[in-house]
Amino acid sequence: MRLASYQGAGGEARAAVVVSQGGADAVIDLNEASGGRLPASLFDLINAGDAALAEARRIAGSGAQGKPLSSVKLLAPIQRPGKLICIAGNFQKHIEEGGGQRVDKNVIVPKLFIKPSSSIIGPGDAVTLPPTSENSTDWELELAVVIGKRGRDIPYERALDYVVGYSVINDISGRSMDWNVAGRNPGGFDSFFDWLNGKWIDGFAAWGPWITTADEVPEPSNMDMELKVNDKVWQKGNTGDMIFNFAEIISFASQFMTWEPGDVIASGTLDGTGDAAGVYLKAGDVQYGTIGHLGTLVTPVAARTSPTGLKWRA
């Protein structure tokens, strides 16, 4: 089942299921099709639990008439998740392309960081180049997992039971940050926080086009991944190169944080980043990220609109 959010007549996000009808995809509004029994937002639907998902699945198979997908605007499946957790350095070949050595996962732990919900944009939305990293903005195709149940101290063997579905995410990154500070020479924690700030920029978490439920993704650790910029393939690989799989990540993090329905985890990226080749996104580019049968996330690139050299301190 493909769960999506689309823009309603009043601009609000509405929960839907995407189905094939007459050889084309259509969107069925779940709140309308259920006579108001199901929540209007996808976040609330996921929080409503298994019974709500079962009703959504019934509607998906009922033959109810939907709106043509081409006639609606899809949004990020969840615009404001409680947590968007990302994993740094989680693909062996990505580490190697940056000059590192293959790692022994038995002696390390996952490197987690968080992206603010203000960084989220939906399928087809343009990412705007920021003045702080206008000439160093890079792509990172990643597999996203969406949590469906609340949990803490989750054993590895049960971790995937907490997953409601999978999606495509682009962890867009500013590889260097220009703060317009003459004489600045970042090092140590300065460099770390410049890296982190480059992950937090508005629009730097493109997500969609929908969530494919976990029952239709039997092997999340064996999914082909491909990212193109315009007509050129830059990233091509498989989730099998992940150092820590999602069960390990969910279980590890649950030692110190509570997973909640609607939380999102991004897998880390594979090799083929622009930074490794010294090539970065520019206005007019279009990114196409595809993972298995989860759909293709399209993200155009727009020129910056904010000023350079903002006066930010006294």
C-alpha atoms as a PDB file:
ATOM      1  CA  MET A   1       0.000   0.000   0.000  1.00  0.00           C
ATOM      2  CA  ARG A   2       1.230   3.479  -0.909  1.00  0.00           C
ATOM      3  CA  LEU A   3       0.351   6.149   1.650  1.00  0.00           C
ATOM      4  CA  ALA A   4       0.687   9.765   0.573  1.00  0.00           C
ATOM      5  CA  SER A   5      -0.153  13.324   1.518  1.00  0.00           C
ATOM      6  CA  TYR A   6      -1.614  15.682  -1.038  1.00  0.00           C
ATOM      7  CA  GLN A   7      -2.564  19.345  -0.917  1.00  0.00           C
ATOM      8  CA  GLY A   8      -6.241  19.899  -0.223  1.00  0.00           C
ATOM      9  CA  ALA A   9      -8.386  22.707  -1.565  1.00  0.00           C
ATOM     10  CA  GLY A  10      -7.537  24.887   1.414  1.00  0.00           C
ATOM     11  CA  GLY A  11      -3.814  24.169   1.200  1.00  0.00           C
ATOM     12  CA  GLU A  12      -3.885  21.604   3.997  1.00  0.00           C
ATOM     13  CA  ALA A  13      -2.161  18.226   3.840  1.00  0.00           C
ATOM     14  CA  ARG A  14      -4.616  15.358   3.371  1.00  0.00           C
ATOM     15  CA  ALA A  15      -3.970  11.641   3.824  1.00  0.00           C
ATOM     16  CA  ALA A  16      -4.440   9.457   0.779  1.00  0.00           C
ATOM     17  CA  VAL A  17      -3.712   6.071  -0.662  1.00  0.00           C
ATOM     18  CA  VAL A  18      -2.239   5.830  -4.167  1.00  0.00           C
ATOM     19  CA  VAL A  19      -3.707   3.045  -6.287  1.00  0.00           C
ATOM     20  CA  SER A  20      -3.584   1.962  -9.905  1.00  0.00           C
ATOM     21  CA  GLN A  21      -6.823   2.628 -11.774  1.00  0.00           C
ATOM     22  CA  GLY A  22      -7.276   2.205 -15.507  1.00  0.00           C
ATOM     23  CA  GLY A  23      -3.568   1.931 -16.134  1.00  0.00           C
ATOM     24  CA  ALA A  24      -2.701   5.135 -14.254  1.00  0.00           C
ATOM     25  CA  ASP A  25      -2.145   6.108 -10.631  1.00  0.00           C
ATOM     26  CA  ALA A  26      -4.985   7.694  -8.686  1.00  0.00           C
ATOM     27  CA  VAL A  27      -5.245   9.249  -5.231  1.00  0.00           C
ATOM     28  CA  ILE A  28      -8.067   8.269  -2.860  1.00  0.00           C
ATOM     29  CA  ASP A  29      -8.688  10.677   0.021  1.00  0.00           C
ATOM     30  CA  LEU A  30      -8.858   8.420   3.083  1.00  0.00           C
ATOM     31  CA  ASN A  31     -10.890  10.743   5.276  1.00  0.00           C
ATOM     32  CA  GLU A  32     -13.501  11.198   2.567  1.00  0.00           C
ATOM     33  CA  ALA A  33     -13.593   7.534   1.512  1.00  0.00           C
ATOM     34  CA  SER A  34     -14.030   6.388   5.109  1.00  0.00           C
ATOM     35  CA  GLY A  35     -16.912   8.785   5.764  1.00  0.00           C
ATOM     36  CA  GLY A  36     -14.772  10.691   8.255  1.00  0.00           C
ATOM     37  CA  ARG A  37     -13.723   7.634  10.268  1.00  0.00           C
ATOM     38  CA  LEU A  38     -10.065   8.011   9.318  1.00  0.00           C
ATOM     39  CA  PRO A  39      -8.017  11.103  10.212  1.00  0.00           C
ATOM     40  CA  ALA A  40      -7.461  13.753   7.580  1.00  0.00           C
ATOM     41  CA  SER A  41      -3.662  13.845   8.039  1.00  0.00           C
ATOM     42  CA  LEU A  42      -1.217  11.018   7.420  1.00  0.00           C
ATOM     43  CA  PHE A  43       0.626  11.725  10.670  1.00  0.00           C
ATOM     44  CA  ASP A  44      -2.609  11.250  12.617  1.00  0.00           C
ATOM     45  CA  LEU A  45      -3.477   8.159  10.570  1.00  0.00           C
ATOM     46  CA  ILE A  46      -0.172   6.478  11.467  1.00  0.00           C
ATOM     47  CA  ASN A  47      -0.643   7.447  15.107  1.00  0.00           C
ATOM     48  CA  ALA A  48      -4.110   5.865  15.031  1.00  0.00           C
ATOM     49  CA  GLY A  49      -2.437   2.455  14.749  1.00  0.00           C
ATOM     50  CA  ASP A  50      -3.109  -0.879  13.093  1.00  0.00           C
ATOM     51  CA  ALA A  51      -6.893  -0.565  12.893  1.00  0.00           C
ATOM     52  CA  ALA A  52      -6.630   2.679  10.921  1.00  0.00           C
ATOM     53  CA  LEU A  53      -4.056   1.169   8.580  1.00  0.00           C
ATOM     54  CA  ALA A  54      -6.281  -1.864   8.053  1.00  0.00           C
ATOM     55  CA  GLU A  55      -9.165   0.419   7.088  1.00  0.00           C
ATOM     56  CA  ALA A  56      -6.897   2.321   4.699  1.00  0.00           C
ATOM     57  CA  ARG A  57      -5.894  -0.986   3.133  1.00  0.00           C
ATOM     58  CA  ARG A  58      -9.539  -1.977   2.758  1.00  0.00           C
ATOM     59  CA  ILE A  59     -10.277   1.308   0.996  1.00  0.00           C
ATOM     60  CA  ALA A  60      -7.267   0.844  -1.286  1.00  0.00           C
ATOM     61  CA  GLY A  61      -8.696  -2.475  -2.458  1.00  0.00           C
ATOM     62  CA  SER A  62     -12.337  -1.407  -2.573  1.00  0.00           C
ATOM     63  CA  GLY A  63     -12.370   0.037  -6.067  1.00  0.00           C
ATOM     64  CA  ALA A  64     -13.328   3.495  -4.758  1.00  0.00           C
ATOM     65  CA  GLN A  65     -12.803   6.124  -7.431  1.00  0.00           C
ATOM     66  CA  GLY A  66      -9.804   8.370  -6.881  1.00  0.00           C
ATOM     67  CA  LYS A  67      -8.490  11.603  -8.313  1.00  0.00           C
ATOM     68  CA  PRO A  68      -5.879  11.245 -11.075  1.00  0.00           C
ATOM     69  CA  LEU A  69      -2.437  11.552  -9.511  1.00  0.00           C
ATOM     70  CA  SER A  70      -1.552  14.050 -12.226  1.00  0.00           C
ATOM     71  CA  SER A  71      -4.309  16.377 -10.987  1.00  0.00           C
ATOM     72  CA  VAL A  72      -3.070  16.773  -7.398  1.00  0.00           C
ATOM     73  CA  LYS A  73       0.049  18.126  -5.735  1.00  0.00           C
ATOM     74  CA  LEU A  74       1.793  15.581  -3.552  1.00  0.00           C
ATOM     75  CA  LEU A  75       3.435  16.844  -0.366  1.00  0.00           C
ATOM     76  CA  ALA A  76       6.096  15.316   1.847  1.00  0.00           C
ATOM     77  CA  PRO A  77       4.305  12.324   3.417  1.00  0.00           C
ATOM     78  CA  ILE A  78       4.695  13.866   6.891  1.00  0.00           C
ATOM     79  CA  GLN A  79       5.588  17.551   6.921  1.00  0.00           C
ATOM     80  CA  ARG A  80       6.514  17.818  10.594  1.00  0.00           C
ATOM     81  CA  PRO A  81       7.628  14.463  12.022  1.00  0.00           C
ATOM     82  CA  GLY A  82       8.566  14.397  15.679  1.00  0.00           C
ATOM     83  CA  LYS A  83      12.093  13.292  14.738  1.00  0.00           C
ATOM     84  CA  LEU A  84      14.045  13.085  11.496  1.00  0.00           C
ATOM     85  CA  ILE A  85      17.143  11.062  12.391  1.00  0.00           C
ATOM     86  CA  CYS A  86      19.998  10.642   9.917  1.00  0.00           C
ATOM     87  CA  ILE A  87      23.053   8.378   9.955  1.00  0.00           C
ATOM     88  CA  ALA A  88      26.502   9.686   9.026  1.00  0.00           C
ATOM     89  CA  GLY A  89      29.011   7.401   7.312  1.00  0.00           C
ATOM     90  CA  ASN A  90      26.747   4.366   7.009  1.00  0.00           C
ATOM     91  CA  PHE A  91      27.787   3.032   3.579  1.00  0.00           C
ATOM     92  CA  GLN A  92      31.210   1.450   3.187  1.00  0.00           C
ATOM     93  CA  LYS A  93      31.835   2.769  -0.337  1.00  0.00           C
ATOM     94  CA  HIS A  94      30.837   6.305   0.655  1.00  0.00           C
ATOM     95  CA  ILE A  95      33.447   6.211   3.407  1.00  0.00           C
ATOM     96  CA  GLU A  96      36.031   4.967   0.915  1.00  0.00           C
ATOM     97  CA  GLU A  97      35.267   7.646  -1.678  1.00  0.00           C
ATOM     98  CA  GLY A  98      35.975  10.245   1.008  1.00  0.00           C
ATOM     99  CA  GLY A  99      39.413   8.750   1.618  1.00  0.00           C
ATOM    100  CA  GLY A 100      38.517   6.545   4.580  1.00  0.00           C
ATOM    101  CA  GLN A 101      39.077   2.838   5.151  1.00  0.00           C
ATOM    102  CA  ARG A 102      36.424   0.143   5.414  1.00  0.00           C
ATOM    103  CA  VAL A 103      35.188  -0.065   8.980  1.00  0.00           C
ATOM    104  CA  ASP A 104      34.601  -2.969  11.337  1.00  0.00           C
ATOM    105  CA  LYS A 105      31.015  -2.470  12.544  1.00  0.00           C
ATOM    106  CA  ASN A 106      31.704  -4.668  15.572  1.00  0.00           C
ATOM    107  CA  VAL A 107      33.825  -1.982  17.223  1.00  0.00           C
ATOM    108  CA  ILE A 108      31.811   1.152  16.377  1.00  0.00           C
ATOM    109  CA  VAL A 109      28.293   2.486  16.918  1.00  0.00           C
ATOM    110  CA  PRO A 110      25.996   4.358  14.515  1.00  0.00           C
ATOM    111  CA  LYS A 111      26.627   8.096  14.154  1.00  0.00           C
ATOM    112  CA  LEU A 112      23.231   9.729  14.541  1.00  0.00           C
ATOM    113  CA  PHE A 113      22.281  13.350  13.912  1.00  0.00           C
ATOM    114  CA  ILE A 114      18.961  15.117  13.559  1.00  0.00           C
ATOM    115  CA  LYS A 115      17.568  17.371  10.841  1.00  0.00           C
ATOM    116  CA  PRO A 116      14.939  19.987  11.711  1.00  0.00           C
ATOM    117  CA  SER A 117      11.469  19.548  10.259  1.00  0.00           C
ATOM    118  CA  SER A 118      11.864  22.952   8.578  1.00  0.00           C
ATOM    119  CA  SER A 119      14.338  21.275   6.210  1.00  0.00           C
ATOM    120  CA  ILE A 120      11.595  19.047   4.740  1.00  0.00           C
ATOM    121  CA  ILE A 121      10.222  19.620   1.254  1.00  0.00           C
ATOM    122  CA  GLY A 122       7.996  17.371  -0.807  1.00  0.00           C
ATOM    123  CA  PRO A 123       8.221  15.664  -4.190  1.00  0.00           C
ATOM    124  CA  GLY A 124       8.614  18.161  -7.024  1.00  0.00           C
ATOM    125  CA  ASP A 125       9.434  21.021  -4.646  1.00  0.00           C
ATOM    126  CA  ALA A 126      12.571  22.945  -5.537  1.00  0.00           C
ATOM    127  CA  VAL A 127      15.474  23.207  -3.128  1.00  0.00           C
ATOM    128  CA  THR A 128      16.771  26.773  -3.078  1.00  0.00           C
ATOM    129  CA  LEU A 129      20.519  27.282  -2.983  1.00  0.00           C
ATOM    130  CA  PRO A 130      21.439  29.145   0.221  1.00  0.00           C
ATOM    131  CA  PRO A 131      24.011  31.957   0.305  1.00  0.00           C
ATOM    132  CA  THR A 132      25.993  30.108   2.986  1.00  0.00           C
ATOM    133  CA  SER A 133      26.744  27.155   0.660  1.00  0.00           C
ATOM    134  CA  GLU A 134      25.606  28.358  -2.750  1.00  0.00           C
ATOM    135  CA  ASN A 135      28.558  26.740  -4.502  1.00  0.00           C
ATOM    136  CA  SER A 136      28.886  23.585  -2.395  1.00  0.00           C
ATOM    137  CA  THR A 137      25.394  22.067  -2.232  1.00  0.00           C
ATOM    138  CA  ASP A 138      25.429  18.302  -2.764  1.00  0.00           C
ATOM    139  CA  TRP A 139      22.996  15.392  -3.116  1.00  0.00           C
ATOM    140  CA  GLU A 140      22.700  12.296  -0.901  1.00  0.00           C
ATOM    141  CA  LEU A 141      20.148   9.645  -1.874  1.00  0.00           C
ATOM    142  CA  GLU A 142      18.952   7.674   1.160  1.00  0.00           C
ATOM    143  CA  LEU A 143      16.350   5.083   2.087  1.00  0.00           C
ATOM    144  CA  ALA A 144      13.884   6.383   4.666  1.00  0.00           C
ATOM    145  CA  VAL A 145      12.083   4.279   7.252  1.00  0.00           C
ATOM    146  CA  VAL A 146       8.961   5.541   9.013  1.00  0.00           C
ATOM    147  CA  ILE A 147       8.214   4.380  12.551  1.00  0.00           C
ATOM    148  CA  GLY A 148       4.683   3.155  13.211  1.00  0.00           C
ATOM    149  CA  LYS A 149       4.714   2.263  16.915  1.00  0.00           C
ATOM    150  CA  ARG A 150       5.957   3.859  20.125  1.00  0.00           C
ATOM    151  CA  GLY A 151       8.871   1.978  21.668  1.00  0.00           C
ATOM    152  CA  ARG A 152      11.897   2.125  23.962  1.00  0.00           C
ATOM    153  CA  ASP A 153      14.628  -0.494  24.654  1.00  0.00           C
ATOM    154  CA  ILE A 154      13.660  -2.474  21.573  1.00  0.00           C
ATOM    155  CA  PRO A 155      15.595  -5.708  20.967  1.00  0.00           C
ATOM    156  CA  TYR A 156      17.140  -6.204  17.539  1.00  0.00           C
ATOM    157  CA  GLU A 157      14.918  -9.181  16.771  1.00  0.00           C
ATOM    158  CA  ARG A 158      11.746  -7.069  17.143  1.00  0.00           C
ATOM    159  CA  ALA A 159      12.968  -3.758  15.745  1.00  0.00           C
ATOM    160  CA  LEU A 160      11.425  -4.008  12.278  1.00  0.00           C
ATOM    161  CA  ASP A 161       8.031  -4.682  13.885  1.00  0.00           C
ATOM    162  CA  TYR A 162       8.031  -0.958  14.690  1.00  0.00           C
ATOM    163  CA  VAL A 163       8.327   0.086  11.041  1.00  0.00           C
ATOM    164  CA  VAL A 164       5.197   1.176   9.184  1.00  0.00           C
ATOM    165  CA  GLY A 165       6.882   1.742   5.831  1.00  0.00           C
ATOM    166  CA  TYR A 166       9.714   2.973   3.614  1.00  0.00           C
ATOM    167  CA  SER A 167      10.293   5.924   1.333  1.00  0.00           C
ATOM    168  CA  VAL A 168      12.901   7.911  -0.595  1.00  0.00           C
ATOM    169  CA  ILE A 169      14.767  10.847   0.933  1.00  0.00           C
ATOM    170  CA  ASN A 170      17.504  13.153  -0.335  1.00  0.00           C
ATOM    171  CA  ASP A 171      19.723  14.362   2.519  1.00  0.00           C
ATOM    172  CA  ILE A 172      20.898  17.451   0.639  1.00  0.00           C
ATOM    173  CA  SER A 173      24.054  18.852   2.207  1.00  0.00           C
ATOM    174  CA  GLY A 174      26.043  22.076   2.269  1.00  0.00           C
ATOM    175  CA  ARG A 175      29.623  20.834   2.097  1.00  0.00           C
ATOM    176  CA  SER A 176      31.116  24.130   3.251  1.00  0.00           C
ATOM    177  CA  MET A 177      29.621  27.098   5.056  1.00  0.00           C
ATOM    178  CA  ASP A 178      30.487  30.719   4.324  1.00  0.00           C
ATOM    179  CA  TRP A 179      29.623  32.852   7.342  1.00  0.00           C
ATOM    180  CA  ASN A 180      31.154  36.027   5.873  1.00  0.00           C
ATOM    181  CA  VAL A 181      33.613  36.255   8.770  1.00  0.00           C
ATOM    182  CA  ALA A 182      36.966  37.602   7.652  1.00  0.00           C
ATOM    183  CA  GLY A 183      39.960  35.654   8.984  1.00  0.00           C
ATOM    184  CA  ARG A 184      37.952  32.684  10.254  1.00  0.00           C
ATOM    185  CA  ASN A 185      39.910  29.410  10.178  1.00  0.00           C
ATOM    186  CA  PRO A 186      37.583  26.640  11.345  1.00  0.00           C
ATOM    187  CA  GLY A 187      38.960  23.499  12.943  1.00  0.00           C
ATOM    188  CA  GLY A 188      37.928  20.862  15.462  1.00  0.00           C
ATOM    189  CA  PHE A 189      34.426  21.510  16.723  1.00  0.00           C
ATOM    190  CA  ASP A 190      34.127  24.489  14.339  1.00  0.00           C
ATOM    191  CA  SER A 191      34.479  22.106  11.398  1.00  0.00           C
ATOM    192  CA  PHE A 192      32.053  19.625  12.942  1.00  0.00           C
ATOM    193  CA  PHE A 193      29.374  22.251  13.473  1.00  0.00           C
ATOM    194  CA  ASP A 194      29.895  23.688   9.985  1.00  0.00           C
ATOM    195  CA  TRP A 195      29.230  20.158   8.685  1.00  0.00           C
ATOM    196  CA  LEU A 196      26.154  19.865  10.904  1.00  0.00           C
ATOM    197  CA  ASN A 197      24.793  23.314   9.991  1.00  0.00           C
ATOM    198  CA  GLY A 198      25.159  22.300   6.355  1.00  0.00           C
ATOM    199  CA  LYS A 199      22.611  19.547   6.998  1.00  0.00           C
ATOM    200  CA  TRP A 200      20.033  21.823   8.646  1.00  0.00           C
ATOM    201  CA  ILE A 201      19.284  24.251   5.822  1.00  0.00           C
ATOM    202  CA  ASP A 202      15.709  24.896   4.705  1.00  0.00           C
ATOM    203  CA  GLY A 203      14.744  22.460   1.939  1.00  0.00           C
ATOM    204  CA  PHE A 204      17.672  20.118   2.559  1.00  0.00           C
ATOM    205  CA  ALA A 205      15.454  17.093   3.319  1.00  0.00           C
ATOM    206  CA  ALA A 206      13.496  16.302   0.160  1.00  0.00           C
ATOM    207  CA  TRP A 207      11.132  13.409   0.851  1.00  0.00           C
ATOM    208  CA  GLY A 208       8.568  11.376  -1.084  1.00  0.00           C
ATOM    209  CA  PRO A 209       6.721  10.665  -3.212  1.00  0.00           C
ATOM    210  CA  TRP A 210       4.898   8.413  -0.705  1.00  0.00           C
ATOM    211  CA  ILE A 211       5.375   5.777   1.995  1.00  0.00           C
ATOM    212  CA  THR A 212       5.248   2.156   0.832  1.00  0.00           C
ATOM    213  CA  THR A 213       4.036   0.006   3.710  1.00  0.00           C
ATOM    214  CA  ALA A 214       6.438  -2.502   5.228  1.00  0.00           C
ATOM    215  CA  ASP A 215       4.469  -5.545   4.065  1.00  0.00           C
ATOM    216  CA  GLU A 216       5.435  -4.628   0.494  1.00  0.00           C
ATOM    217  CA  VAL A 217       9.154  -4.199   1.304  1.00  0.00           C
ATOM    218  CA  PRO A 218      10.339  -7.655   2.400  1.00  0.00           C
ATOM    219  CA  GLU A 219      14.056  -6.930   1.944  1.00  0.00           C
ATOM    220  CA  PRO A 220      14.934  -3.318   2.892  1.00  0.00           C
ATOM    221  CA  SER A 221      18.596  -4.378   3.059  1.00  0.00           C
ATOM    222  CA  ASN A 222      18.579  -5.380  -0.613  1.00  0.00           C
ATOM    223  CA  MET A 223      17.157  -2.492  -2.620  1.00  0.00           C
ATOM    224  CA  ASP A 224      18.727  -0.891  -5.670  1.00  0.00           C
ATOM    225  CA  MET A 225      19.406   2.842  -5.416  1.00  0.00           C
ATOM    226  CA  GLU A 226      20.027   5.372  -8.183  1.00  0.00           C
ATOM    227  CA  LEU A 227      20.321   9.144  -8.219  1.00  0.00           C
ATOM    228  CA  LYS A 228      20.563  11.189 -11.393  1.00  0.00           C
ATOM    229  CA  VAL A 229      21.253  14.889 -11.767  1.00  0.00           C
ATOM    230  CA  ASN A 230      19.679  15.879 -15.063  1.00  0.00           C
ATOM    231  CA  ASP A 231      20.618  13.012 -17.401  1.00  0.00           C
ATOM    232  CA  LYS A 232      23.723  11.790 -15.566  1.00  0.00           C
ATOM    233  CA  VAL A 233      23.711   8.928 -13.058  1.00  0.00           C
ATOM    234  CA  TRP A 234      25.871   9.873 -10.065  1.00  0.00           C
ATOM    235  CA  GLN A 235      24.850   7.376  -7.406  1.00  0.00           C
ATOM    236  CA  LYS A 236      24.114   3.728  -8.147  1.00  0.00           C
ATOM    237  CA  GLY A 237      24.268   0.934  -5.616  1.00  0.00           C
ATOM    238  CA  ASN A 238      22.308  -1.131  -3.135  1.00  0.00           C
ATOM    239  CA  THR A 239      21.164  -0.809   0.465  1.00  0.00           C
ATOM    240  CA  GLY A 240      23.146  -3.978   1.125  1.00  0.00           C
ATOM    241  CA  ASP A 241      26.210  -1.724   1.494  1.00  0.00           C
ATOM    242  CA  MET A 242      24.763  -0.202   4.665  1.00  0.00           C
ATOM    243  CA  ILE A 243      27.059  -0.748   7.633  1.00  0.00           C
ATOM    244  CA  PHE A 244      24.233  -0.708  10.188  1.00  0.00           C
ATOM    245  CA  ASN A 245      20.841  -1.954   8.994  1.00  0.00           C
ATOM    246  CA  PHE A 246      17.584  -0.424  10.160  1.00  0.00           C
ATOM    247  CA  ALA A 247      16.948  -3.054  12.819  1.00  0.00           C
ATOM    248  CA  GLU A 248      20.323  -2.243  14.377  1.00  0.00           C
ATOM    249  CA  ILE A 249      19.741   1.512  14.159  1.00  0.00           C
ATOM    250  CA  ILE A 250      16.262   1.320  15.686  1.00  0.00           C
ATOM    251  CA  SER A 251      17.428  -0.939  18.511  1.00  0.00           C
ATOM    252  CA  PHE A 252      20.587   1.091  19.196  1.00  0.00           C
ATOM    253  CA  ALA A 253      18.803   4.447  19.396  1.00  0.00           C
ATOM    254  CA  SER A 254      15.986   3.021  21.514  1.00  0.00           C
ATOM    255  CA  GLN A 255      18.471   2.672  24.377  1.00  0.00           C
ATOM    256  CA  PHE A 256      18.371   6.437  24.891  1.00  0.00           C
ATOM    257  CA  MET A 257      15.354   7.818  22.999  1.00  0.00           C
ATOM    258  CA  THR A 258      11.733   6.827  22.575  1.00  0.00           C
ATOM    259  CA  TRP A 259      10.634   6.098  19.035  1.00  0.00           C
ATOM    260  CA  GLU A 260       7.198   7.515  18.247  1.00  0.00           C
ATOM    261  CA  PRO A 261       4.788   6.965  15.353  1.00  0.00           C
ATOM    262  CA  GLY A 262       5.690   9.195  12.430  1.00  0.00           C
ATOM    263  CA  ASP A 263       9.395   9.441  13.290  1.00  0.00           C
ATOM    264  CA  VAL A 264      11.649   9.115  10.242  1.00  0.00           C
ATOM    265  CA  ILE A 265      15.122   7.606   9.904  1.00  0.00           C
ATOM    266  CA  ALA A 266      17.358   8.175   6.866  1.00  0.00           C
ATOM    267  CA  SER A 267      19.816   5.405   6.049  1.00  0.00           C
ATOM    268  CA  GLY A 268      22.937   7.363   5.178  1.00  0.00           C
ATOM    269  CA  THR A 269      24.071   7.651   1.584  1.00  0.00           C
ATOM    270  CA  LEU A 270      25.985   5.554  -0.888  1.00  0.00           C
ATOM    271  CA  ASP A 271      29.028   6.557  -2.926  1.00  0.00           C
ATOM    272  CA  GLY A 272      28.746   8.889  -5.910  1.00  0.00           C
ATOM    273  CA  THR A 273      28.299  12.197  -4.122  1.00  0.00           C
ATOM    274  CA  GLY A 274      29.160  15.390  -5.943  1.00  0.00           C
ATOM    275  CA  ASP A 275      31.656  16.401  -3.272  1.00  0.00           C
ATOM    276  CA  ALA A 276      33.854  13.398  -4.106  1.00  0.00           C
ATOM    277  CA  ALA A 277      34.106  14.666  -7.698  1.00  0.00           C
ATOM    278  CA  GLY A 278      34.178  18.369  -6.881  1.00  0.00           C
ATOM    279  CA  VAL A 279      30.819  18.862  -8.624  1.00  0.00           C
ATOM    280  CA  TYR A 280      27.905  20.618  -6.939  1.00  0.00           C
ATOM    281  CA  LEU A 281      24.288  21.457  -7.633  1.00  0.00           C
ATOM    282  CA  LYS A 282      23.460  24.606  -9.564  1.00  0.00           C
ATOM    283  CA  ALA A 283      20.246  26.449 -10.352  1.00  0.00           C
ATOM    284  CA  GLY A 284      18.287  24.673 -13.074  1.00  0.00           C
ATOM    285  CA  ASP A 285      19.468  21.169 -12.177  1.00  0.00           C
ATOM    286  CA  VAL A 286      16.909  18.452 -11.471  1.00  0.00           C
ATOM    287  CA  GLN A 287      17.641  15.495  -9.167  1.00  0.00           C
ATOM    288  CA  TYR A 288      15.907  12.132  -9.618  1.00  0.00           C
ATOM    289  CA  GLY A 289      16.213   9.642  -6.752  1.00  0.00           C
ATOM    290  CA  THR A 290      14.865   6.105  -7.158  1.00  0.00           C
ATOM    291  CA  ILE A 291      14.999   3.223  -4.677  1.00  0.00           C
ATOM    292  CA  GLY A 292      13.618  -0.163  -5.715  1.00  0.00           C
ATOM    293  CA  HIS A 293       9.864   0.012  -6.281  1.00  0.00           C
ATOM    294  CA  LEU A 294       9.367   2.896  -3.830  1.00  0.00           C
ATOM    295  CA  GLY A 295       8.981   5.498  -6.564  1.00  0.00           C
ATOM    296  CA  THR A 296      11.114   8.350  -7.864  1.00  0.00           C
ATOM    297  CA  LEU A 297      11.682  11.539  -5.870  1.00  0.00           C
ATOM    298  CA  VAL A 298      12.114  14.546  -8.185  1.00  0.00           C
ATOM    299  CA  THR A 299      13.829  17.630  -6.736  1.00  0.00           C
ATOM    300  CA  PRO A 300      14.604  20.676  -8.899  1.00  0.00           C
ATOM    301  CA  VAL A 301      17.238  23.205  -7.860  1.00  0.00           C
ATOM    302  CA  ALA A 302      16.435  26.929  -7.713  1.00  0.00           C
ATOM    303  CA  ALA A 303      18.730  29.954  -7.494  1.00  0.00           C
ATOM    304  CA  ARG A 304      19.189  31.543  -4.083  1.00  0.00           C
ATOM    305  CA  THR A 305      16.845  34.343  -3.134  1.00  0.00           C
ATOM    306  CA  SER A 306      18.277  35.483   0.210  1.00  0.00           C
ATOM    307  CA  PRO A 307      21.067  38.033   0.589  1.00  0.00           C
ATOM    308  CA  THR A 308      24.747  37.262   1.000  1.00  0.00           C
ATOM    309  CA  GLY A 309      26.618  38.682   3.958  1.00  0.00           C
ATOM    310  CA  LEU A 310      23.675  39.166   6.331  1.00  0.00           C
ATOM    311  CA  LYS A 311      24.592  41.263   9.367  1.00  0.00           C
ATOM    312  CA  TRP A 312      23.936  38.765  12.131  1.00  0.00           C
ATOM    313  CA  ARG A 313      25.806  40.149  15.133  1.00  0.00           C
ATOM    314  CA  ALA A 314      26.419  43.479  16.815  1.00  0.00           C
END
